[in-house]
Each structure stands twice: as C-alpha cells, then as structure tokens.
C-alpha cells in the first residue's frame, strides 16, 4: 500500500519533468532547423520563448526618426545634354539626391527671396500687445525689440504719424541669415510699407546681407490676389531662384519657385523652421542646376493653386 501511495504521488511529477524536457528539445530542434535554413532573427528567437519584440524596438525607432524629411530623388529631364546628365549621387539624411559633378559645377549663386512678416519676424502694435504674451515670449527666450515706424497716415497738423511696434525675431534668425548668405544671394521682398519695413530690416540685418530690398510698391495686383510678388522683376535666372513666404499666394505667378513656410507668431518661442527645416532645404537647392523640379516634387504648388481656384493660366 505504501509503494502504491508513493507511485501515485511521484508519477505526475515525473510526467511533468518529461513534458518540460520534451518542450525544450522541441525548442532547440526548431532553432536547429532555422540554422539549417538560415540564421534566425532576434524576433524569431524571442517568439519561440514567448516574448514580444515590438515594445523593445518601439522607443529606439521613434527616437531615431529625423525631424527633417529627406528629399526624394530628383531626375534630370531627358533633354539635358550628356554632360549635364553626368551626376554624382550623395547621401542627405539617408536619401539619394542628384548633385552636379566636378565637370559641371554651378557657378551662379542661388537667389533666395525672403518674406518679412510671419516668415522672419512677427510684429505687433505695442499699445495692443497683451502683457501676458510679451512676458511669456520673453521668459521662453524669444528675442524682441521695440521700433518707431513712420505711418502713411498723417496727424492732425499734417505731420507724419509715428507708430510704436514690438517685433519678435523668429528663433535662429541671425544664424540663419549668416549661414544662408554664405551660399546664396539674399533678397528681401515684403508687402509691407517701407516706412515700417526699412527700419525693421535695418535692425535684423545689421551686416547688410540683403543685396536688395523690395517693398509694397514692387508688388503687383492680379485678378486673383493683390500684393503678388512677381519674381521676373528681379531679372534673375528662375532656374536658380526661390522665394520663401508664409503666404503662398505671394508667389502665385511662379508657383514652381515657391517654398511655403509655417507662419510665425510670438506664441511659438520654440519654432525650429529656419535652422532645421528651411536651411537644409535651401542648401540642397543651392546644388541644383534647376530648383523647380525639386520644389515641385516636394510641394506640388501648381495643384495647390488649382484647388484654390487659380488655373494654370493665372501663373507663368
């Protein structure tokens, strides 16, 4: 009876031991088969032992994603000469782009036309600027200054009216202009009046990096929008000219040359558009013989204008 009781107690335990041993043998046999077929992946080995791998890789993959989306491959037009078609492929942000080789170097500087308000700075009439907004922007490290501007309006005695304006600089503005001027010819083109814009630009461009300044009288009116910036007035090669503006309608006459940027306000003290988005893009464009295929591939502005009621006949 004692022996029977012992058997009833220990037999189930022995069965469990053998079952566990067989499971491990099956596990190693599966790995052995994978080795015969090819080296097993980490994910496969983890799945054999009952562990998931998605949670282990999720944090690393998200942290390594670039903040600036790489530009796609740019194909040169078929009608290009064989000499121009000889290009070297380089890596920018993990994506291949086309750049002229040593035998076909680009001699002409890229012309970059920059808008002023809500692109490089944002300005508010000092008397109407909320104190809370000013304090928050200052605490966040946003650079600002006050300015006296001559208004087009006249005072009671016929004297020019003076407006007091508070101007906030977009983060990275000074470094952006400095680096950009090293490989591009800078042009300021604003729809603002000269009495307001000229003293403002004098403050942000103490080094005179802008080779040309254009104000509201240089804009034109079309049947679709007013204050349009016609790049043909620059007498520059449009193959090597771009315009950066928060208002896309400003460049509706040359949509293939435009870069629409996010509008800037004092409520965006941690904005990174100038140094982390626009500067890398403009550096890339400076290496292109024709900037328009790259900009079309990235923004598709002609289609955007057509969606907003401006047909192809409305732009050149």
Protein backbone atom coordinates (compact mmCIF):
# COMPACT_ATOMS: atom_id res chain seq x y z
CA UNK A 1 0.00 0.00 0.00
CA UNK A 2 2.91 2.30 0.85
CA UNK A 3 4.51 1.61 -2.53
CA UNK A 4 1.20 2.32 -4.33
CA UNK A 5 0.83 5.62 -2.49
CA UNK A 6 4.41 6.60 -3.42
CA UNK A 7 3.69 5.85 -7.08
CA UNK A 8 0.51 7.94 -7.06
CA UNK A 9 2.44 10.89 -5.57
CA UNK A 10 5.57 10.83 -7.77
CA UNK A 11 4.22 9.68 -11.15
CA UNK A 12 2.58 13.04 -12.04
CA UNK A 13 5.79 14.92 -11.12
CA UNK A 14 7.86 12.62 -13.34
CA UNK A 15 5.41 13.20 -16.16
CA UNK A 16 5.80 16.99 -15.82
CA UNK A 17 9.59 16.70 -15.91
CA UNK A 18 9.47 14.65 -19.08
CA UNK A 19 6.95 17.07 -20.66
CA UNK A 20 9.19 20.08 -19.89
CA UNK A 21 12.22 18.25 -21.23
CA UNK A 22 10.41 17.39 -24.47
CA UNK A 23 9.32 21.03 -24.87
CA UNK A 24 12.93 22.23 -24.58
CA UNK A 25 14.08 19.58 -27.02
CA UNK A 26 11.41 20.77 -29.47
CA UNK A 27 12.58 24.36 -28.94
CA UNK A 28 16.22 23.56 -29.72
CA UNK A 29 15.13 21.43 -32.65
CA UNK A 30 13.26 24.45 -34.13
CA UNK A 31 16.36 26.63 -33.74
CA UNK A 32 18.47 23.89 -35.34
CA UNK A 33 16.09 23.84 -38.33
CA UNK A 34 16.34 27.62 -38.63
CA UNK A 35 20.14 27.40 -38.64
CA UNK A 36 19.95 24.86 -41.48
CA UNK A 37 17.67 27.21 -43.44
CA UNK A 38 19.48 30.42 -42.47
CA UNK A 39 20.38 32.36 -39.32
CA UNK A 40 17.26 33.02 -37.19
CA UNK A 41 16.31 36.62 -36.48
CA UNK A 42 16.07 38.08 -32.98
CA UNK A 43 12.32 38.39 -33.44
CA UNK A 44 12.01 34.67 -34.26
CA UNK A 45 14.06 33.57 -31.24
CA UNK A 46 12.03 35.83 -28.95
CA UNK A 47 8.79 34.45 -30.35
CA UNK A 48 9.96 30.89 -29.60
CA UNK A 49 10.34 31.70 -25.91
CA UNK A 50 7.05 33.58 -25.76
CA UNK A 51 8.39 37.21 -25.71
CA UNK A 52 7.22 40.06 -27.97
CA UNK A 53 9.79 42.33 -29.64
CA UNK A 54 7.70 45.34 -30.68
CA UNK A 55 7.87 47.06 -27.29
CA UNK A 56 11.64 46.60 -27.17
CA UNK A 57 12.19 48.32 -30.54
CA UNK A 58 9.45 50.95 -30.49
CA UNK A 59 11.30 53.54 -28.41
CA UNK A 60 14.54 53.27 -30.34
CA UNK A 61 12.88 53.55 -33.75
CA UNK A 62 10.84 56.60 -32.80
CA UNK A 63 13.79 58.45 -31.32
CA UNK A 64 15.93 57.88 -34.39
CA UNK A 65 13.44 59.30 -36.89
CA UNK A 66 14.76 62.53 -38.49
CA UNK A 67 12.96 65.83 -37.89
CA UNK A 68 13.59 66.90 -41.48
CA UNK A 69 12.09 64.63 -44.13
CA UNK A 70 14.74 63.74 -46.75
CA UNK A 71 14.15 64.98 -50.26
CA UNK A 72 13.25 62.42 -52.91
CA UNK A 73 15.48 61.53 -55.83
CA UNK A 74 15.48 64.23 -58.50
CA UNK A 75 15.60 63.01 -62.10
CA UNK A 76 17.12 65.36 -64.67
CA UNK A 77 14.96 66.00 -67.76
CA UNK A 78 15.68 63.78 -70.75
CA UNK A 79 16.50 66.75 -72.97
CA UNK A 80 19.51 67.61 -70.82
CA UNK A 81 22.87 67.29 -72.55
CA UNK A 82 25.04 64.25 -71.76
CA UNK A 83 27.46 66.49 -69.88
CA UNK A 84 24.69 67.81 -67.64
CA UNK A 85 23.33 64.31 -67.10
CA UNK A 86 26.61 63.16 -65.55
CA UNK A 87 25.81 63.50 -61.87
CA UNK A 88 27.15 62.07 -58.64
CA UNK A 89 24.82 60.55 -56.02
CA UNK A 90 25.36 61.70 -52.45
CA UNK A 91 23.56 60.98 -49.20
CA UNK A 92 21.50 63.68 -47.46
CA UNK A 93 19.51 62.47 -44.49
CA UNK A 94 19.63 58.90 -45.79
CA UNK A 95 18.14 59.76 -49.19
CA UNK A 96 19.95 59.96 -52.54
CA UNK A 97 19.80 63.26 -54.39
CA UNK A 98 21.33 64.45 -57.64
CA UNK A 99 24.22 66.90 -57.48
CA UNK A 100 26.34 68.26 -60.31
CA UNK A 101 29.75 66.60 -60.62
CA UNK A 102 33.13 68.34 -60.79
CA UNK A 103 32.94 68.72 -64.58
CA UNK A 104 29.66 70.60 -64.42
CA UNK A 105 29.98 72.88 -61.41
CA UNK A 106 27.31 75.52 -60.75
CA UNK A 107 28.91 78.95 -60.85
CA UNK A 108 25.87 81.18 -60.27
CA UNK A 109 24.77 81.68 -56.68
CA UNK A 110 21.29 80.65 -55.65
CA UNK A 111 18.96 83.65 -55.25
CA UNK A 112 16.79 83.35 -52.13
CA UNK A 113 13.89 85.80 -51.84
CA UNK A 114 12.67 86.12 -48.25
CA UNK A 115 9.39 87.48 -46.97
CA UNK A 116 9.46 89.51 -43.75
CA UNK A 117 6.32 89.38 -41.59
CA UNK A 118 5.42 85.95 -40.16
CA UNK A 119 8.38 84.45 -42.05
CA UNK A 120 11.42 86.08 -40.41
CA UNK A 121 9.68 88.11 -37.68
CA UNK A 122 6.27 88.89 -36.26
CA UNK A 123 5.26 92.41 -35.21
CA UNK A 124 2.50 93.83 -33.03
CA UNK A 125 1.38 97.37 -32.30
CA UNK A 126 2.89 97.95 -28.88
CA UNK A 127 -0.22 99.52 -27.38
CA UNK A 128 -2.35 96.47 -28.25
CA UNK A 129 0.18 93.76 -27.36
CA UNK A 130 -1.05 91.75 -24.33
CA UNK A 131 1.42 91.96 -21.44
CA UNK A 132 1.00 88.25 -20.75
CA UNK A 133 2.05 87.35 -24.31
CA UNK A 134 5.13 89.56 -24.10
CA UNK A 135 6.14 88.10 -20.73
CA UNK A 136 5.67 84.50 -21.86
CA UNK A 137 7.70 85.08 -25.03
CA UNK A 138 10.47 86.79 -23.03
CA UNK A 139 10.62 84.02 -20.42
CA UNK A 140 10.87 81.45 -23.23
CA UNK A 141 13.94 83.24 -24.62
CA UNK A 142 12.38 84.87 -27.69
CA UNK A 143 14.35 87.91 -28.89
CA UNK A 144 12.33 91.10 -29.32
CA UNK A 145 12.77 94.85 -29.71
CA UNK A 146 10.61 97.95 -29.99
CA UNK A 147 10.56 100.12 -33.07
CA UNK A 148 9.35 103.54 -34.16
CA UNK A 149 7.81 103.40 -37.62
CA UNK A 150 6.62 106.22 -39.84
CA UNK A 151 2.99 105.63 -40.81
CA UNK A 152 1.46 106.58 -44.12
CA UNK A 153 -1.30 108.26 -42.13
CA UNK A 154 -0.98 111.93 -41.19
CA UNK A 155 -1.58 113.51 -37.80
CA UNK A 156 -3.93 116.43 -37.24
CA UNK A 157 -1.32 119.06 -38.16
CA UNK A 158 -0.20 117.19 -41.27
CA UNK A 159 2.89 115.68 -39.67
CA UNK A 160 3.72 112.00 -40.30
CA UNK A 161 2.25 109.72 -37.69
CA UNK A 162 4.68 107.58 -35.69
CA UNK A 163 3.63 104.04 -34.74
CA UNK A 164 5.32 102.06 -31.98
CA UNK A 165 5.77 98.40 -32.82
CA UNK A 166 7.09 95.41 -30.86
CA UNK A 167 8.96 92.96 -33.08
CA UNK A 168 9.75 89.32 -32.20
CA UNK A 169 12.52 87.56 -34.12
CA UNK A 170 11.94 84.01 -35.31
CA UNK A 171 14.29 81.67 -33.37
CA UNK A 172 17.65 81.25 -35.11
CA UNK A 173 17.15 84.26 -37.40
CA UNK A 174 20.66 85.72 -37.10
CA UNK A 175 22.39 82.37 -37.63
CA UNK A 176 20.01 81.54 -40.49
CA UNK A 177 20.87 84.73 -42.39
CA UNK A 178 24.58 84.27 -41.69
CA UNK A 179 24.76 80.71 -43.00
CA UNK A 180 22.40 81.39 -45.89
CA UNK A 181 24.45 84.34 -47.14
CA UNK A 182 27.49 82.06 -47.50
CA UNK A 183 25.99 80.19 -50.46
CA UNK A 184 23.07 82.37 -51.63
CA UNK A 185 22.28 85.92 -52.75
CA UNK A 186 19.62 87.26 -50.37
CA UNK A 187 16.72 89.47 -51.44
CA UNK A 188 14.09 90.85 -49.06
CA UNK A 189 10.64 91.16 -50.64
CA UNK A 190 7.84 92.33 -48.38
CA UNK A 191 4.32 93.57 -48.98
CA UNK A 192 4.84 95.92 -46.02
CA UNK A 193 5.28 99.65 -46.46
CA UNK A 194 8.83 100.99 -46.50
CA UNK A 195 8.23 103.31 -43.54
CA UNK A 196 7.59 100.25 -41.39
CA UNK A 197 9.80 97.62 -43.02
CA UNK A 198 13.01 99.58 -43.67
CA UNK A 199 13.89 100.40 -40.01
CA UNK A 200 12.88 96.85 -39.05
CA UNK A 201 15.21 95.27 -41.61
CA UNK A 202 17.98 97.67 -40.53
CA UNK A 203 17.76 96.05 -37.09
CA UNK A 204 17.75 92.41 -38.16
CA UNK A 205 20.26 92.89 -40.99
CA UNK A 206 23.00 94.97 -39.40
CA UNK A 207 25.56 93.14 -41.58
CA UNK A 208 23.77 94.18 -44.82
CA UNK A 209 23.37 90.62 -46.03
CA UNK A 210 20.41 91.53 -48.24
CA UNK A 211 21.67 92.66 -51.63
CA UNK A 212 18.24 94.07 -52.49
CA UNK A 213 15.17 95.20 -50.56
CA UNK A 214 11.76 95.41 -52.17
CA UNK A 215 8.63 96.85 -50.53
CA UNK A 216 4.90 97.04 -51.28
CA UNK A 217 5.20 99.27 -54.38
CA UNK A 218 7.18 96.45 -56.05
CA UNK A 219 4.26 94.02 -55.70
CA UNK A 220 1.53 93.77 -58.33
CA UNK A 221 -2.22 93.11 -58.38
CA UNK A 222 -3.74 90.22 -60.32
CA UNK A 223 -7.34 89.18 -60.91
CA UNK A 224 -6.91 86.61 -58.13
CA UNK A 225 -4.88 88.38 -55.43
CA UNK A 226 -3.26 91.70 -54.56
CA UNK A 227 0.33 92.30 -53.42
CA UNK A 228 1.70 89.45 -55.53
CA UNK A 229 5.49 89.20 -55.75
CA UNK A 230 6.48 88.75 -59.38
CA UNK A 231 9.98 87.26 -59.42
CA UNK A 232 10.52 88.34 -63.02
CA UNK A 233 11.14 91.89 -61.75
CA UNK A 234 14.43 90.66 -60.27
CA UNK A 235 15.89 89.87 -63.70
CA UNK A 236 17.39 86.69 -62.23
CA UNK A 237 17.54 83.19 -63.67
CA UNK A 238 14.40 81.46 -62.38
CA UNK A 239 16.23 78.13 -62.60
CA UNK A 240 18.27 79.37 -59.63
CA UNK A 241 15.70 81.48 -57.75
CA UNK A 242 13.44 80.53 -54.82
CA UNK A 243 11.04 82.53 -52.67
CA UNK A 244 10.20 81.69 -49.05
CA UNK A 245 6.87 83.09 -47.87
CA UNK A 246 4.22 82.14 -45.32
CA UNK A 247 1.57 83.30 -47.82
CA UNK A 248 1.67 81.04 -50.92
CA UNK A 249 -0.48 83.49 -52.91
CA UNK A 250 2.51 85.85 -52.87
CA UNK A 251 4.24 83.65 -55.44
CA UNK A 252 1.22 82.54 -57.49
CA UNK A 253 2.88 83.82 -60.69
CA UNK A 254 5.84 81.45 -60.22
CA UNK A 255 4.47 78.51 -58.17
CA UNK A 256 7.38 76.25 -59.09
CA UNK A 257 9.81 78.61 -57.35
CA UNK A 258 7.95 78.91 -54.05
CA UNK A 259 8.58 77.45 -50.61
CA UNK A 260 5.56 77.87 -48.32
CA UNK A 261 6.63 78.11 -44.69
CA UNK A 262 4.68 77.89 -41.44
CA UNK A 263 3.58 81.35 -40.19
CA UNK A 264 5.44 82.56 -37.11
CA UNK A 265 3.90 84.27 -34.08
CA UNK A 266 5.04 85.25 -30.59
CA UNK A 267 3.20 82.22 -29.25
CA UNK A 268 5.78 79.91 -30.89
CA UNK A 269 9.01 80.50 -28.92
CA UNK A 270 10.37 77.04 -29.73
CA UNK A 271 9.89 77.25 -33.50
CA UNK A 272 12.68 75.48 -35.45
CA UNK A 273 11.68 76.20 -39.06
CA UNK A 274 14.62 78.43 -40.02
CA UNK A 275 17.55 76.25 -38.97
CA UNK A 276 16.14 72.74 -39.02
CA UNK A 277 13.75 72.85 -41.99
CA UNK A 278 14.43 75.75 -44.35
CA UNK A 279 18.23 75.92 -44.15
CA UNK A 280 18.83 72.22 -45.05
CA UNK A 281 16.36 72.53 -47.92
CA UNK A 282 18.00 75.70 -49.27
CA UNK A 283 21.46 74.14 -49.02
CA UNK A 284 20.21 71.25 -51.11
CA UNK A 285 18.64 73.59 -53.66
CA UNK A 286 21.91 75.50 -53.99
CA UNK A 287 23.40 72.34 -55.51
CA UNK A 288 20.76 72.06 -58.23
CA UNK A 289 21.03 73.47 -61.75
CA UNK A 290 17.24 73.95 -61.72
CA UNK A 291 15.43 74.25 -58.39
CA UNK A 292 11.95 73.86 -59.86
CA UNK A 293 11.81 70.05 -60.28
CA UNK A 294 12.87 69.63 -56.64
CA UNK A 295 10.31 72.13 -55.36
CA UNK A 296 7.55 70.65 -57.47
CA UNK A 297 8.33 67.15 -56.19
CA UNK A 298 8.21 68.40 -52.60
CA UNK A 299 5.26 70.84 -52.57
CA UNK A 300 3.17 70.35 -55.77
CA UNK A 301 2.19 74.02 -55.65
CA UNK A 302 0.54 74.17 -59.13
CA UNK A 303 -2.03 71.61 -58.00
CA UNK A 304 -2.48 73.53 -54.73
CA UNK A 305 -3.27 76.73 -56.61
CA UNK A 306 -5.72 74.94 -58.90
CA UNK A 307 -7.55 73.58 -55.84
CA UNK A 308 -7.84 77.18 -54.62
CA UNK A 309 -9.42 78.40 -57.84
CA UNK A 310 -6.35 79.68 -59.68
CA UNK A 311 -5.96 77.95 -63.08
CA UNK A 312 -2.69 77.38 -64.88
CA UNK A 313 -3.38 80.46 -67.00
CA UNK A 314 -3.12 82.55 -63.84
CA UNK A 315 0.58 81.86 -63.43
CA UNK A 316 3.59 81.83 -65.70
